[in-house]
Amino acid sequence: MSGLLAYGICLLAVLGVIASERFLKPVSDRRVTLHGPTIFLGAMCFVATAAAWVLALRNVSMAQNAGSASLFTLLALVTIGVLLFGGKRAVLESLGIAMAVGSMLLMSSIA
């Protein structure tokens, strides 16, 4: 498996964590019992995420995986904030995102 595919799997794992949190948060707010489809979907997202992490860790180092997970989480949450909540990005925030992407590229070329 190539490193690019491992980074893709890492991206899917990050999106799986965000999706599972999306399923489990309303359940915790309503104090619902541990029955129902939302608990099952949230748990299955976490199981799939764990499997994706194992696959990704077999092909890239732990440092690269942790760095890429941080970067993908940042990009996913910024995208959600802009698209779903109508947030605006300032110039400094865009510069920070570009620096995070640049640091990931530097780290992947070194390791």
Protein backbone atom coordinates (compact mmCIF):
# COMPACT_ATOMS: atom_id res chain seq x y z
CA MET A 1 0.00 0.00 0.00
CA SER A 2 1.37 3.40 -0.90
CA GLY A 3 1.77 6.28 1.51
CA LEU A 4 -0.86 8.29 -0.35
CA LEU A 5 -3.41 5.55 0.19
CA ALA A 6 -2.47 5.42 3.88
CA TYR A 7 -3.11 9.17 4.14
CA GLY A 8 -6.48 8.63 2.45
CA ILE A 9 -7.32 5.99 5.03
CA CYS A 10 -6.28 8.42 7.77
CA LEU A 11 -8.62 11.02 6.29
CA LEU A 12 -11.47 8.49 6.32
CA ALA A 13 -10.68 7.68 9.95
CA VAL A 14 -10.87 11.35 10.92
CA LEU A 15 -14.19 11.73 9.09
CA GLY A 16 -15.41 8.58 10.85
CA VAL A 17 -14.63 10.09 14.25
CA ILE A 18 -16.50 13.27 13.33
CA ALA A 19 -19.48 11.23 12.07
CA SER A 20 -19.57 9.07 15.19
CA GLU A 21 -19.52 12.16 17.39
CA ARG A 22 -22.40 13.50 15.31
CA PHE A 23 -24.42 10.34 16.03
CA LEU A 24 -23.58 10.10 19.73
CA LYS A 25 -23.87 13.77 20.80
CA PRO A 26 -27.69 14.03 20.53
CA VAL A 27 -28.05 10.82 22.48
CA SER A 28 -25.98 12.17 25.35
CA ASP A 29 -27.94 15.43 25.37
CA ARG A 30 -31.31 13.71 25.64
CA ARG A 31 -30.24 11.23 28.33
CA VAL A 32 -31.66 8.38 26.25
CA THR A 33 -31.01 4.78 27.25
CA LEU A 34 -28.43 2.75 25.39
CA HIS A 35 -30.93 1.43 22.86
CA GLY A 36 -31.64 2.64 19.38
CA PRO A 37 -30.08 3.10 15.99
CA THR A 38 -28.05 6.21 16.79
CA ILE A 39 -25.99 4.42 19.43
CA PHE A 40 -25.44 1.52 17.02
CA LEU A 41 -24.40 3.83 14.16
CA GLY A 42 -22.06 5.79 16.41
CA ALA A 43 -20.44 2.61 17.71
CA MET A 44 -20.05 1.19 14.20
CA CYS A 45 -18.37 4.41 13.08
CA PHE A 46 -15.90 4.08 15.94
CA VAL A 47 -15.21 0.43 15.04
CA ALA A 48 -14.60 1.33 11.39
CA THR A 49 -12.35 4.19 12.51
CA ALA A 50 -10.26 1.83 14.65
CA ALA A 51 -9.83 -0.55 11.71
CA ALA A 52 -8.82 2.35 9.46
CA TRP A 53 -6.20 3.50 12.00
CA VAL A 54 -4.68 0.02 12.09
CA LEU A 55 -4.44 -0.03 8.29
CA ALA A 56 -2.93 3.44 8.18
CA LEU A 57 -0.38 2.69 10.92
CA ARG A 58 0.93 -0.31 9.00
CA ASN A 59 2.08 1.91 6.14
CA VAL A 60 3.17 5.25 7.61
CA SER A 61 4.97 6.15 10.80
CA MET A 62 3.16 7.12 13.96
CA ALA A 63 4.44 10.70 13.67
CA GLN A 64 3.16 11.05 10.11
CA ASN A 65 -0.17 9.53 11.06
CA ALA A 66 -0.60 11.84 14.05
CA GLY A 67 0.39 14.88 12.01
CA SER A 68 -1.91 14.01 9.17
CA ALA A 69 -4.79 13.31 11.57
CA SER A 70 -4.34 16.77 13.10
CA LEU A 71 -4.21 18.36 9.67
CA PHE A 72 -7.25 16.48 8.37
CA THR A 73 -9.22 17.33 11.51
CA LEU A 74 -8.34 21.00 11.09
CA LEU A 75 -9.36 21.00 7.42
CA ALA A 76 -12.58 19.06 8.04
CA LEU A 77 -13.72 21.30 10.88
CA VAL A 78 -12.88 24.51 9.01
CA THR A 79 -14.83 23.21 6.01
CA ILE A 80 -17.81 22.29 8.19
CA GLY A 81 -17.69 25.70 9.87
CA VAL A 82 -17.61 27.57 6.57
CA LEU A 83 -20.16 25.45 4.67
CA LEU A 84 -22.68 24.61 7.39
CA PHE A 85 -22.41 27.54 9.78
CA GLY A 86 -21.52 30.34 7.37
CA GLY A 87 -18.25 31.18 9.08
CA LYS A 88 -15.78 33.53 7.45
CA ARG A 89 -12.05 32.92 7.34
CA ALA A 90 -9.68 35.79 8.01
CA VAL A 91 -6.35 36.23 6.24
CA LEU A 92 -4.36 35.05 9.27
CA GLU A 93 -6.50 31.93 9.61
CA SER A 94 -5.95 31.10 5.94
CA LEU A 95 -2.21 31.63 6.43
CA GLY A 96 -2.26 29.28 9.42
CA ILE A 97 -4.05 26.60 7.40
CA ALA A 98 -1.53 26.98 4.58
CA MET A 99 1.33 26.62 7.07
CA ALA A 100 -0.24 23.46 8.51
CA VAL A 101 -0.50 21.96 5.01
CA GLY A 102 3.10 23.01 4.29
CA SER A 103 4.38 21.41 7.49
CA MET A 104 2.62 18.16 6.58
CA LEU A 105 4.22 18.19 3.15
CA LEU A 106 7.65 18.80 4.67
CA MET A 107 7.19 16.02 7.20
CA SER A 108 6.05 13.52 4.59
CA SER A 109 9.02 14.28 2.34
CA ILE A 110 11.53 13.86 5.18
CA ALA A 111 10.20 10.62 6.64
